[in-house]
Amino acid sequence: MGRDEVHVRYQGRDFTSDPFDFILAQRPDMAKMGLGVDKVQTGRLIPAGATILMVEFGAGGQKLLPDALRLFKLADVPRAKYTTYGAVGGEKAVIEITYKSGYGDRWRVRSDRIVPEKL
């Protein structure tokens, strides 16, 4: 997979940054709390079936998780987890990545959906 575009939609605006930079723009204090990053850069290839952690919570992860759930809509996080951390409701940011497969097909994956869509 080759990444074409990464942006975050939040409060009716598009931020053309990766999730890590977006988090730091919203909450600069999180930089000191153990955030890790694996940036998705233009031209980076990710093998089929492989995953990367675009934002990783280090040692302070349990403290950052409630803030992350209040900020992002993540389809693979059970609603019960949002409820546990008081993160239900409110407008949430959606991460959107457009990419090309090795065969040249264009796809879009969003943090609020489990299945990518073919463009």
N, C-alpha and C. Protein backbone atom coordinates (compact mmCIF):
# COMPACT_ATOMS: atom_id res chain seq x y z
N MET A 1 0.85 -1.17 0.00
CA MET A 1 0.00 0.00 0.00
C MET A 1 0.89 1.23 0.00
N GLY A 2 0.53 2.21 -0.77
CA GLY A 2 1.23 3.50 -0.77
C GLY A 2 0.24 4.59 -0.37
N ARG A 3 0.57 5.35 0.63
CA ARG A 3 -0.32 6.38 1.17
C ARG A 3 -0.34 7.58 0.24
N ASP A 4 -1.53 8.07 -0.07
CA ASP A 4 -1.70 9.26 -0.89
C ASP A 4 -2.01 10.49 -0.04
N GLU A 5 -2.88 10.32 0.93
CA GLU A 5 -3.34 11.46 1.71
C GLU A 5 -3.78 11.01 3.09
N VAL A 6 -3.43 11.79 4.10
CA VAL A 6 -3.89 11.55 5.47
C VAL A 6 -4.43 12.87 5.99
N HIS A 7 -5.62 12.82 6.52
CA HIS A 7 -6.14 14.01 7.19
C HIS A 7 -7.11 13.61 8.28
N VAL A 8 -7.41 14.58 9.12
CA VAL A 8 -8.32 14.37 10.23
C VAL A 8 -9.46 15.36 10.08
N ARG A 9 -10.69 14.85 10.13
CA ARG A 9 -11.88 15.71 10.07
C ARG A 9 -12.36 15.94 11.50
N TYR A 10 -12.51 17.23 11.85
CA TYR A 10 -12.90 17.55 13.23
C TYR A 10 -13.59 18.90 13.25
N GLN A 11 -14.74 18.94 13.85
CA GLN A 11 -15.52 20.16 14.01
C GLN A 11 -15.72 20.89 12.68
N GLY A 12 -16.06 20.11 11.63
CA GLY A 12 -16.35 20.67 10.32
C GLY A 12 -15.14 21.14 9.53
N ARG A 13 -13.95 20.82 10.01
CA ARG A 13 -12.73 21.23 9.32
C ARG A 13 -11.87 20.02 8.99
N ASP A 14 -11.06 20.16 7.96
CA ASP A 14 -10.08 19.13 7.61
C ASP A 14 -8.69 19.60 8.03
N PHE A 15 -8.02 18.76 8.79
CA PHE A 15 -6.65 19.04 9.20
C PHE A 15 -5.76 18.11 8.40
N THR A 16 -4.89 18.66 7.58
CA THR A 16 -4.02 17.84 6.75
C THR A 16 -2.76 17.47 7.51
N SER A 17 -2.98 16.68 8.53
CA SER A 17 -1.86 16.21 9.35
C SER A 17 -2.15 14.79 9.76
N ASP A 18 -1.11 14.10 10.19
CA ASP A 18 -1.35 12.74 10.66
C ASP A 18 -1.92 12.82 12.08
N PRO A 19 -2.45 11.73 12.59
CA PRO A 19 -3.10 11.74 13.91
C PRO A 19 -2.20 12.23 15.04
N PHE A 20 -0.93 11.88 15.01
CA PHE A 20 -0.02 12.30 16.07
C PHE A 20 0.10 13.82 16.11
N ASP A 21 0.34 14.45 14.95
CA ASP A 21 0.46 15.91 14.89
C ASP A 21 -0.86 16.57 15.28
N PHE A 22 -1.99 15.95 14.88
CA PHE A 22 -3.30 16.49 15.23
C PHE A 22 -3.49 16.48 16.75
N ILE A 23 -3.15 15.37 17.39
CA ILE A 23 -3.28 15.27 18.85
C ILE A 23 -2.45 16.36 19.53
N LEU A 24 -1.22 16.51 19.08
CA LEU A 24 -0.34 17.50 19.71
C LEU A 24 -0.85 18.92 19.48
N ALA A 25 -1.51 19.17 18.34
CA ALA A 25 -2.08 20.50 18.09
C ALA A 25 -3.26 20.75 19.04
N GLN A 26 -4.04 19.71 19.33
CA GLN A 26 -5.20 19.84 20.20
C GLN A 26 -4.80 19.83 21.68
N ARG A 27 -3.85 18.97 22.00
CA ARG A 27 -3.44 18.78 23.40
C ARG A 27 -1.91 18.70 23.50
N PRO A 28 -1.22 19.83 23.45
CA PRO A 28 0.26 19.82 23.52
C PRO A 28 0.80 19.12 24.77
N ASP A 29 0.03 19.12 25.85
CA ASP A 29 0.48 18.49 27.09
C ASP A 29 0.66 16.98 26.95
N MET A 30 0.03 16.38 25.95
CA MET A 30 0.14 14.93 25.78
C MET A 30 1.53 14.50 25.33
N ALA A 31 2.32 15.41 24.77
CA ALA A 31 3.67 15.06 24.31
C ALA A 31 4.53 14.56 25.45
N LYS A 32 4.25 15.02 26.65
CA LYS A 32 5.05 14.63 27.81
C LYS A 32 4.49 13.42 28.54
N MET A 33 3.45 12.81 27.96
CA MET A 33 2.76 11.72 28.67
C MET A 33 2.99 10.35 28.04
N GLY A 34 4.02 10.20 27.24
CA GLY A 34 4.35 8.87 26.73
C GLY A 34 3.73 8.50 25.41
N LEU A 35 3.41 9.47 24.56
CA LEU A 35 2.88 9.15 23.23
C LEU A 35 4.01 8.68 22.33
N GLY A 36 3.72 7.66 21.53
CA GLY A 36 4.66 7.19 20.52
C GLY A 36 4.02 7.37 19.16
N VAL A 37 4.82 7.30 18.12
CA VAL A 37 4.28 7.55 16.78
C VAL A 37 5.00 6.70 15.75
N ASP A 38 4.24 6.28 14.76
CA ASP A 38 4.77 5.62 13.57
C ASP A 38 4.09 6.33 12.41
N LYS A 39 4.73 7.35 11.87
CA LYS A 39 4.10 8.22 10.88
C LYS A 39 3.87 7.50 9.56
N VAL A 40 2.75 7.84 8.94
CA VAL A 40 2.42 7.33 7.62
C VAL A 40 2.84 8.41 6.64
N GLN A 41 4.01 8.24 6.04
CA GLN A 41 4.57 9.25 5.15
C GLN A 41 4.29 8.91 3.70
N THR A 42 4.25 9.95 2.86
CA THR A 42 4.03 9.76 1.43
C THR A 42 5.05 8.78 0.88
N GLY A 43 4.57 7.81 0.12
CA GLY A 43 5.43 6.83 -0.50
C GLY A 43 5.77 5.63 0.38
N ARG A 44 5.39 5.66 1.63
CA ARG A 44 5.68 4.54 2.52
C ARG A 44 4.84 3.34 2.09
N LEU A 45 5.45 2.20 2.01
CA LEU A 45 4.74 0.98 1.64
C LEU A 45 4.46 0.16 2.89
N ILE A 46 3.23 -0.32 2.97
CA ILE A 46 2.83 -1.18 4.08
C ILE A 46 2.32 -2.48 3.45
N PRO A 47 2.94 -3.60 3.75
CA PRO A 47 2.52 -4.86 3.14
C PRO A 47 1.06 -5.20 3.46
N ALA A 48 0.41 -5.88 2.53
CA ALA A 48 -0.97 -6.32 2.74
C ALA A 48 -1.06 -7.13 4.02
N GLY A 49 -2.07 -6.84 4.82
CA GLY A 49 -2.30 -7.56 6.06
C GLY A 49 -1.49 -7.03 7.24
N ALA A 50 -0.55 -6.14 6.98
CA ALA A 50 0.26 -5.57 8.06
C ALA A 50 -0.46 -4.38 8.67
N THR A 51 -0.12 -4.06 9.89
CA THR A 51 -0.68 -2.88 10.55
C THR A 51 0.45 -2.06 11.15
N ILE A 52 0.16 -0.78 11.37
CA ILE A 52 1.09 0.07 12.08
C ILE A 52 0.29 0.82 13.14
N LEU A 53 0.97 1.24 14.18
CA LEU A 53 0.34 2.05 15.22
C LEU A 53 0.66 3.50 14.93
N MET A 54 -0.34 4.24 14.44
CA MET A 54 -0.11 5.63 14.09
C MET A 54 0.07 6.48 15.34
N VAL A 55 -0.58 6.11 16.41
CA VAL A 55 -0.39 6.75 17.71
C VAL A 55 -0.38 5.63 18.73
N GLU A 56 0.62 5.63 19.58
CA GLU A 56 0.74 4.59 20.60
C GLU A 56 0.87 5.25 21.96
N PHE A 57 0.15 4.70 22.92
CA PHE A 57 0.21 5.21 24.28
C PHE A 57 1.22 4.38 25.05
N GLY A 58 2.27 5.02 25.51
CA GLY A 58 3.32 4.32 26.23
C GLY A 58 2.95 4.06 27.67
N ALA A 59 3.89 4.30 28.56
CA ALA A 59 3.71 4.00 29.98
C ALA A 59 2.50 4.72 30.58
N GLY A 60 2.21 5.92 30.10
CA GLY A 60 1.06 6.68 30.62
C GLY A 60 -0.22 6.39 29.87
N GLY A 61 -0.24 5.29 29.13
CA GLY A 61 -1.36 4.97 28.25
C GLY A 61 -2.73 4.96 28.90
N GLN A 62 -2.84 4.39 30.07
CA GLN A 62 -4.14 4.32 30.73
C GLN A 62 -4.66 5.71 31.08
N LYS A 63 -3.75 6.64 31.34
CA LYS A 63 -4.16 8.01 31.63
C LYS A 63 -4.59 8.75 30.36
N LEU A 64 -4.00 8.39 29.21
CA LEU A 64 -4.29 9.06 27.95
C LEU A 64 -5.52 8.49 27.24
N LEU A 65 -5.85 7.25 27.51
CA LEU A 65 -6.94 6.59 26.81
C LEU A 65 -8.27 7.36 26.90
N PRO A 66 -8.70 7.80 28.06
CA PRO A 66 -9.96 8.56 28.12
C PRO A 66 -9.95 9.81 27.24
N ASP A 67 -8.82 10.53 27.23
CA ASP A 67 -8.71 11.72 26.39
C ASP A 67 -8.77 11.35 24.91
N ALA A 68 -8.11 10.27 24.54
CA ALA A 68 -8.12 9.83 23.14
C ALA A 68 -9.53 9.44 22.71
N LEU A 69 -10.26 8.76 23.58
CA LEU A 69 -11.63 8.35 23.24
C LEU A 69 -12.58 9.55 23.19
N ARG A 70 -12.31 10.58 23.96
CA ARG A 70 -13.12 11.79 23.87
C ARG A 70 -12.83 12.54 22.58
N LEU A 71 -11.62 12.37 22.04
CA LEU A 71 -11.20 13.11 20.85
C LEU A 71 -11.53 12.38 19.55
N PHE A 72 -11.33 11.04 19.50
CA PHE A 72 -11.46 10.29 18.25
C PHE A 72 -12.65 9.33 18.24
N LYS A 73 -13.24 9.18 17.06
CA LYS A 73 -14.26 8.16 16.83
C LYS A 73 -13.53 6.96 16.21
N LEU A 74 -13.51 5.85 16.93
CA LEU A 74 -12.78 4.66 16.51
C LEU A 74 -13.74 3.47 16.42
N ALA A 75 -13.95 2.99 15.22
CA ALA A 75 -14.94 1.94 14.98
C ALA A 75 -14.62 0.64 15.71
N ASP A 76 -13.35 0.35 15.92
CA ASP A 76 -13.01 -0.93 16.54
C ASP A 76 -12.92 -0.87 18.06
N VAL A 77 -13.33 0.24 18.65
CA VAL A 77 -13.41 0.34 20.11
C VAL A 77 -14.86 0.15 20.53
N PRO A 78 -15.15 -0.84 21.37
CA PRO A 78 -16.54 -1.09 21.78
C PRO A 78 -17.15 0.13 22.48
N ARG A 79 -18.44 0.33 22.25
CA ARG A 79 -19.15 1.45 22.86
C ARG A 79 -19.03 1.40 24.39
N ALA A 80 -18.99 0.21 24.95
CA ALA A 80 -18.86 0.08 26.40
C ALA A 80 -17.59 0.75 26.92
N LYS A 81 -16.53 0.71 26.13
CA LYS A 81 -15.27 1.36 26.53
C LYS A 81 -15.45 2.88 26.56
N TYR A 82 -16.17 3.43 25.57
CA TYR A 82 -16.47 4.86 25.56
C TYR A 82 -17.30 5.22 26.81
N THR A 83 -18.26 4.36 27.14
CA THR A 83 -19.11 4.60 28.31
C THR A 83 -18.29 4.57 29.59
N THR A 84 -17.42 3.56 29.71
CA THR A 84 -16.58 3.42 30.89
C THR A 84 -15.77 4.69 31.17
N TYR A 85 -15.27 5.31 30.12
CA TYR A 85 -14.42 6.49 30.28
C TYR A 85 -15.18 7.81 30.14
N GLY A 86 -16.50 7.74 30.10
CA GLY A 86 -17.29 8.97 29.99
C GLY A 86 -17.04 9.72 28.70
N ALA A 87 -16.81 8.98 27.63
CA ALA A 87 -16.47 9.59 26.35
C ALA A 87 -17.58 9.45 25.31
N VAL A 88 -18.79 9.10 25.74
CA VAL A 88 -19.91 8.96 24.80
C VAL A 88 -20.43 10.35 24.46
N GLY A 89 -20.77 10.54 23.20
CA GLY A 89 -21.34 11.81 22.77
C GLY A 89 -20.28 12.82 22.39
N GLY A 90 -20.75 13.94 21.92
CA GLY A 90 -19.85 14.99 21.47
C GLY A 90 -19.28 14.69 20.10
N GLU A 91 -18.88 15.74 19.43
CA GLU A 91 -18.27 15.56 18.12
C GLU A 91 -16.87 15.01 18.27
N LYS A 92 -16.56 14.01 17.47
CA LYS A 92 -15.26 13.36 17.55
C LYS A 92 -14.53 13.47 16.22
N ALA A 93 -13.23 13.47 16.28
CA ALA A 93 -12.38 13.53 15.09
C ALA A 93 -12.38 12.17 14.39
N VAL A 94 -12.31 12.21 13.06
CA VAL A 94 -12.24 11.00 12.25
C VAL A 94 -10.96 11.06 11.42
N ILE A 95 -10.15 10.03 11.54
CA ILE A 95 -8.92 9.91 10.76
C ILE A 95 -9.29 9.30 9.41
N GLU A 96 -8.80 9.88 8.33
CA GLU A 96 -9.11 9.37 6.99
C GLU A 96 -7.82 9.27 6.19
N ILE A 97 -7.59 8.10 5.61
CA ILE A 97 -6.39 7.86 4.81
C ILE A 97 -6.83 7.36 3.44
N THR A 98 -6.33 8.00 2.39
CA THR A 98 -6.55 7.54 1.02
C THR A 98 -5.24 6.94 0.54
N TYR A 99 -5.31 5.77 -0.09
CA TYR A 99 -4.09 5.09 -0.51
C TYR A 99 -4.32 4.28 -1.77
N LYS A 100 -3.22 3.84 -2.37
CA LYS A 100 -3.27 2.96 -3.54
C LYS A 100 -2.72 1.60 -3.16
N SER A 101 -3.37 0.57 -3.67
CA SER A 101 -2.85 -0.78 -3.47
C SER A 101 -1.69 -1.00 -4.43
N GLY A 102 -1.02 -2.10 -4.28
CA GLY A 102 0.06 -2.46 -5.20
C GLY A 102 -0.42 -2.65 -6.62
N TYR A 103 -1.73 -2.82 -6.80
CA TYR A 103 -2.32 -2.99 -8.12
C TYR A 103 -2.83 -1.68 -8.70
N GLY A 104 -2.65 -0.58 -7.97
CA GLY A 104 -3.09 0.73 -8.46
C GLY A 104 -4.51 1.10 -8.08
N ASP A 105 -5.23 0.24 -7.36
CA ASP A 105 -6.59 0.56 -6.92
C ASP A 105 -6.51 1.59 -5.79
N ARG A 106 -7.42 2.58 -5.84
CA ARG A 106 -7.46 3.59 -4.78
C ARG A 106 -8.49 3.19 -3.72
N TRP A 107 -8.12 3.38 -2.45
CA TRP A 107 -8.96 3.01 -1.32
C TRP A 107 -8.97 4.14 -0.30
N ARG A 108 -10.01 4.15 0.52
CA ARG A 108 -10.09 5.08 1.65
C ARG A 108 -10.44 4.28 2.89
N VAL A 109 -9.70 4.52 3.96
CA VAL A 109 -9.99 3.91 5.25
C VAL A 109 -10.24 5.04 6.23
N ARG A 110 -11.25 4.85 7.08
CA ARG A 110 -11.62 5.86 8.07
C ARG A 110 -11.66 5.23 9.45
N SER A 111 -11.33 6.01 10.46
CA SER A 111 -11.30 5.48 11.82
C SER A 111 -12.69 5.14 12.35
N ASP A 112 -13.74 5.69 11.75
CA ASP A 112 -15.09 5.42 12.21
C ASP A 112 -15.77 4.29 11.46
N ARG A 113 -15.03 3.60 10.60
CA ARG A 113 -15.57 2.46 9.85
C ARG A 113 -14.58 1.31 9.89
N ILE A 114 -15.10 0.11 9.94
CA ILE A 114 -14.23 -1.08 10.00
C ILE A 114 -13.67 -1.44 8.62
N VAL A 115 -14.51 -1.32 7.58
CA VAL A 115 -14.14 -1.79 6.24
C VAL A 115 -13.72 -0.62 5.36
N PRO A 116 -12.56 -0.71 4.70
CA PRO A 116 -12.16 0.33 3.75
C PRO A 116 -13.11 0.38 2.56
N GLU A 117 -13.19 1.53 1.89
CA GLU A 117 -14.03 1.64 0.71
C GLU A 117 -13.16 1.85 -0.52
N LYS A 118 -13.52 1.18 -1.61
CA LYS A 118 -12.80 1.34 -2.86
C LYS A 118 -13.30 2.59 -3.55
N LEU A 119 -12.40 3.40 -4.05
CA LEU A 119 -12.78 4.66 -4.73
C LEU A 119 -12.80 4.48 -6.23
